[in-house]
N, C-alpha and C. Protein backbone atom coordinates (compact mmCIF):
# COMPACT_ATOMS: atom_id res chain seq x y z
N MET A 1 1.00 -1.20 0.15
CA MET A 1 -0.08 -0.12 -0.03
C MET A 1 1.02 1.22 0.03
N ALA A 2 0.66 2.09 -0.94
CA ALA A 2 1.52 3.44 -1.10
C ALA A 2 1.18 4.35 -0.01
N PRO A 3 1.81 5.29 0.34
CA PRO A 3 1.82 6.04 1.51
C PRO A 3 0.45 7.04 1.45
N ASP A 4 0.06 7.40 -0.04
CA ASP A 4 -0.96 7.91 -0.45
C ASP A 4 -2.43 7.16 0.10
N ASP A 5 -2.38 6.32 -0.04
CA ASP A 5 -3.28 5.00 0.05
C ASP A 5 -3.68 5.32 1.67
N VAL A 6 -2.46 4.99 2.39
CA VAL A 6 -2.89 5.11 3.63
C VAL A 6 -3.62 6.40 4.08
N VAL A 7 -3.24 7.47 3.83
CA VAL A 7 -3.87 8.58 4.07
C VAL A 7 -5.21 9.06 3.99
N SER A 8 -5.76 8.12 2.44
CA SER A 8 -6.97 8.48 2.36
C SER A 8 -7.49 7.21 3.06
N SER A 9 -7.17 6.39 3.42
CA SER A 9 -7.90 5.12 4.21
C SER A 9 -8.18 5.33 5.63
N ASN A 10 -7.42 5.89 6.29
CA ASN A 10 -7.01 6.11 7.81
C ASN A 10 -6.03 7.25 7.97
N PRO A 11 -6.92 8.39 8.22
CA PRO A 11 -6.02 9.59 8.66
C PRO A 11 -5.22 9.75 9.88
N LEU A 12 -5.96 9.20 11.02
CA LEU A 12 -5.34 8.71 12.10
C LEU A 12 -4.22 8.09 12.11
N ARG A 13 -4.44 6.97 11.95
CA ARG A 13 -3.01 6.06 11.60
C ARG A 13 -2.15 6.42 10.88
N ALA A 14 -2.30 7.26 9.69
CA ALA A 14 -1.38 7.90 8.93
C ALA A 14 -0.62 8.89 9.72
N VAL A 15 -1.18 9.65 10.44
CA VAL A 15 -0.39 10.85 10.85
C VAL A 15 0.10 10.13 12.00
N VAL A 16 -0.09 9.19 12.88
CA VAL A 16 1.03 8.31 13.60
C VAL A 16 2.11 7.72 13.30
N GLU A 17 1.82 7.21 11.84
CA GLU A 17 2.65 6.71 11.41
C GLU A 17 4.01 7.47 10.95
N VAL A 18 3.45 8.52 9.87
CA VAL A 18 4.48 9.44 9.25
C VAL A 18 5.24 10.06 10.24
N ILE A 19 4.85 10.52 11.46
CA ILE A 19 5.78 11.17 12.50
C ILE A 19 6.12 10.62 13.51
N ALA A 20 5.99 9.44 13.70
CA ALA A 20 6.61 8.60 14.25
C ALA A 20 7.98 8.18 13.78
N ARG A 21 7.94 7.84 12.38
CA ARG A 21 8.81 7.17 11.63
C ARG A 21 10.15 8.24 11.45
N ALA A 22 9.33 9.64 11.13
CA ALA A 22 10.50 10.91 11.08
C ALA A 22 11.12 10.97 12.51
N LEU A 23 10.68 10.53 13.76
CA LEU A 23 11.41 10.85 15.12
C LEU A 23 12.41 9.71 15.56
N VAL A 24 11.93 8.47 15.09
CA VAL A 24 12.93 7.12 14.96
C VAL A 24 14.20 7.12 14.39
N ASP A 25 15.04 5.91 14.77
CA ASP A 25 16.41 5.90 14.36
C ASP A 25 16.23 4.51 13.15
N ASN A 26 15.48 4.18 13.42
CA ASN A 26 14.66 2.80 12.92
C ASN A 26 13.20 2.86 12.13
N PRO A 27 12.70 3.24 11.41
CA PRO A 27 11.42 3.51 10.85
C PRO A 27 10.80 2.09 10.62
N ASP A 28 11.52 1.55 10.23
CA ASP A 28 11.11 0.24 9.47
C ASP A 28 10.41 -0.47 11.00
N ALA A 29 10.73 -0.39 12.12
CA ALA A 29 9.92 -1.30 12.98
C ALA A 29 8.62 -0.37 14.23
N VAL A 30 8.29 0.73 13.31
CA VAL A 30 7.25 1.53 14.17
C VAL A 30 6.17 0.37 13.50
N ARG A 31 5.12 -0.05 13.96
CA ARG A 31 3.84 -0.71 14.05
C ARG A 31 2.96 0.37 14.56
N VAL A 32 1.66 0.50 13.73
CA VAL A 32 0.59 0.87 14.80
C VAL A 32 -0.85 0.30 14.33
N THR A 33 -1.37 0.30 15.47
CA THR A 33 -2.58 -0.81 15.22
C THR A 33 -3.89 -0.05 15.89
N GLU A 34 -4.79 -0.23 15.09
CA GLU A 34 -5.94 0.48 15.87
C GLU A 34 -7.37 -0.67 16.48
N THR A 35 -7.62 -0.15 17.49
CA THR A 35 -8.60 -1.17 18.09
C THR A 35 -9.94 0.18 17.96
N GLU A 36 -11.06 -0.44 18.69
CA GLU A 36 -11.96 0.29 19.04
C GLU A 36 -12.53 -0.06 20.34
N ARG A 37 -12.77 1.00 21.24
CA ARG A 37 -12.59 0.36 22.41
C ARG A 37 -13.38 1.87 23.23
N ARG A 38 -15.28 1.58 23.25
CA ARG A 38 -16.21 2.21 24.22
C ARG A 38 -16.36 3.18 22.65
N GLY A 39 -16.32 2.93 21.76
CA GLY A 39 -16.33 4.08 20.62
C GLY A 39 -15.57 4.84 20.34
N MET A 40 -14.26 4.47 20.88
CA MET A 40 -13.26 5.59 20.90
C MET A 40 -12.38 4.42 20.00
N ALA A 41 -11.64 5.12 18.70
CA ALA A 41 -10.37 4.42 18.10
C ALA A 41 -9.24 4.48 18.70
N VAL A 42 -8.80 3.76 19.27
CA VAL A 42 -7.34 3.23 20.03
C VAL A 42 -6.28 2.61 19.05
N LEU A 43 -5.62 3.64 18.72
CA LEU A 43 -3.92 3.48 18.51
C LEU A 43 -2.72 2.97 18.81
N GLU A 44 -2.25 1.94 18.68
CA GLU A 44 -1.27 1.59 19.78
C GLU A 44 -0.04 2.18 18.57
N LEU A 45 0.91 2.22 19.46
CA LEU A 45 2.06 2.37 18.83
C LEU A 45 3.26 1.75 19.16
N THR A 46 4.06 1.04 18.53
CA THR A 46 5.16 0.15 18.98
C THR A 46 6.54 0.50 18.15
N THR A 47 7.53 0.55 18.81
CA THR A 47 8.83 0.84 17.85
C THR A 47 9.81 -0.23 18.61
N ALA A 48 11.05 0.37 17.92
CA ALA A 48 12.67 -0.87 18.49
C ALA A 48 12.83 -0.21 19.94
N PRO A 49 13.01 -1.26 20.74
CA PRO A 49 13.07 -0.52 22.06
C PRO A 49 14.27 0.62 22.34
N GLY A 50 15.40 0.92 21.40
CA GLY A 50 15.88 2.13 21.40
C GLY A 50 15.45 3.20 21.15
N ASP A 51 14.38 2.97 20.56
CA ASP A 51 13.76 4.18 20.01
C ASP A 51 12.45 4.98 21.06
N MET A 52 12.10 4.16 21.90
CA MET A 52 10.77 4.59 22.70
C MET A 52 11.29 5.81 23.22
N GLY A 53 12.40 6.29 23.28
CA GLY A 53 12.90 7.71 24.49
C GLY A 53 12.67 8.87 23.28
N LYS A 54 12.89 8.40 22.02
CA LYS A 54 12.72 9.69 21.33
C LYS A 54 10.87 9.79 21.24
N ILE A 55 10.50 8.53 21.05
CA ILE A 55 8.84 9.05 21.35
C ILE A 55 8.32 9.97 21.96
N ILE A 56 8.86 9.37 23.32
CA ILE A 56 8.35 9.88 24.93
C ILE A 56 8.87 11.37 24.67
N GLY A 57 10.38 11.56 24.52
CA GLY A 57 10.82 13.02 24.54
C GLY A 57 11.07 13.18 26.05
N ARG A 58 11.78 14.51 26.34
CA ARG A 58 11.79 15.14 27.81
C ARG A 58 10.95 15.09 28.51
N GLN A 59 11.02 14.71 29.38
CA GLN A 59 9.49 14.41 30.52
C GLN A 59 8.28 14.60 29.85
N GLY A 60 8.52 13.58 29.12
CA GLY A 60 7.38 13.12 28.33
C GLY A 60 6.37 14.17 27.50
N ARG A 61 7.21 15.34 26.81
CA ARG A 61 6.86 16.33 26.30
C ARG A 61 6.33 16.06 24.63
N THR A 62 7.15 15.24 24.00
CA THR A 62 6.99 14.65 22.82
C THR A 62 5.69 13.81 22.53
N ALA A 63 5.23 13.02 23.49
CA ALA A 63 4.51 11.74 23.74
C ALA A 63 3.44 12.92 24.20
N ALA A 64 3.24 13.76 24.86
CA ALA A 64 1.97 14.75 25.08
C ALA A 64 1.31 15.47 23.79
N ALA A 65 2.36 15.88 23.23
CA ALA A 65 2.08 16.57 21.97
C ALA A 65 1.63 15.37 20.82
N PHE A 66 2.13 14.40 20.76
CA PHE A 66 1.83 13.26 19.84
C PHE A 66 0.32 13.02 20.09
N ARG A 67 0.24 12.97 21.41
CA ARG A 67 -1.24 12.64 21.76
C ARG A 67 -2.40 13.86 21.51
N THR A 68 -2.04 14.73 21.67
CA THR A 68 -2.62 15.97 21.03
C THR A 68 -3.23 16.06 20.08
N LEU A 69 -2.20 16.04 19.02
CA LEU A 69 -2.32 15.68 17.55
C LEU A 69 -3.10 14.97 16.82
N VAL A 70 -2.86 13.72 17.93
CA VAL A 70 -4.00 12.45 17.40
C VAL A 70 -5.24 12.75 17.63
N ALA A 71 -5.14 13.65 18.54
CA ALA A 71 -6.90 13.65 18.99
C ALA A 71 -7.52 15.00 18.39
N LEU A 72 -6.71 15.93 18.03
CA LEU A 72 -7.21 16.99 16.98
C LEU A 72 -7.25 16.38 15.59
N THR A 73 -6.77 15.42 15.26
CA THR A 73 -7.03 14.93 13.90
C THR A 73 -7.98 14.26 13.89
N ALA A 74 -8.08 13.55 14.88
CA ALA A 74 -9.87 12.57 14.96
C ALA A 74 -11.22 13.45 15.23
N GLU A 75 -10.72 14.63 15.81
CA GLU A 75 -11.64 15.32 16.04
C GLU A 75 -11.97 16.19 14.69
N LYS A 76 -11.30 16.51 13.82
CA LYS A 76 -11.64 17.02 12.47
C LYS A 76 -12.17 16.14 11.75
N HIS A 77 -11.99 15.12 11.86
CA HIS A 77 -12.90 13.74 11.20
C HIS A 77 -14.02 13.52 11.75
N GLY A 78 -14.54 13.95 12.98
CA GLY A 78 -15.53 13.58 13.69
C GLY A 78 -15.66 12.12 14.23
N LYS A 79 -14.29 12.43 14.96
CA LYS A 79 -14.22 10.70 15.43
C LYS A 79 -13.65 11.11 17.28
N ARG A 80 -13.38 10.14 18.01
CA ARG A 80 -12.71 10.02 19.15
C ARG A 80 -11.33 9.54 18.95
N ALA A 81 -10.49 9.67 19.23
CA ALA A 81 -9.09 8.97 19.20
C ALA A 81 -8.32 9.04 20.29
N GLN A 82 -7.46 7.89 20.73
CA GLN A 82 -6.38 7.74 21.74
C GLN A 82 -5.04 7.08 21.59
N LEU A 83 -3.99 7.81 21.92
CA LEU A 83 -2.89 6.76 21.54
C LEU A 83 -2.25 6.19 22.66
N ASP A 84 -1.76 5.36 22.32
CA ASP A 84 -1.31 4.32 23.58
C ASP A 84 0.32 3.86 22.80
N ILE A 85 1.00 4.23 23.65
CA ILE A 85 2.40 3.78 23.30
C ILE A 85 3.20 2.81 23.98
N ARG A 86 3.22 1.93 23.44
CA ARG A 86 4.09 0.30 23.83
C ARG A 86 5.04 0.25 23.71
N ASP A 87 5.73 -0.16 24.84
CA ASP A 87 7.18 -0.44 25.04
C ASP A 87 7.28 -2.28 24.54
């Protein structure tokens, strides 16, 4: 599936994948899975163990910004979403 196909089919997942791949040293290890919980999309982000610190950032600032971006993207598309970062 081409990157443009991902954006058109699922914008939330695309936002998470594009940003996560840009932040980490090993972009091929980035995995995003989506599930539904209580009417809300739950995106789970998994990276290589050494890249987890880059996703979380200092004092969790990068992770907080990432979660805000996901929530805003979801709201724009009339949905609710949450980002879970898995180690």
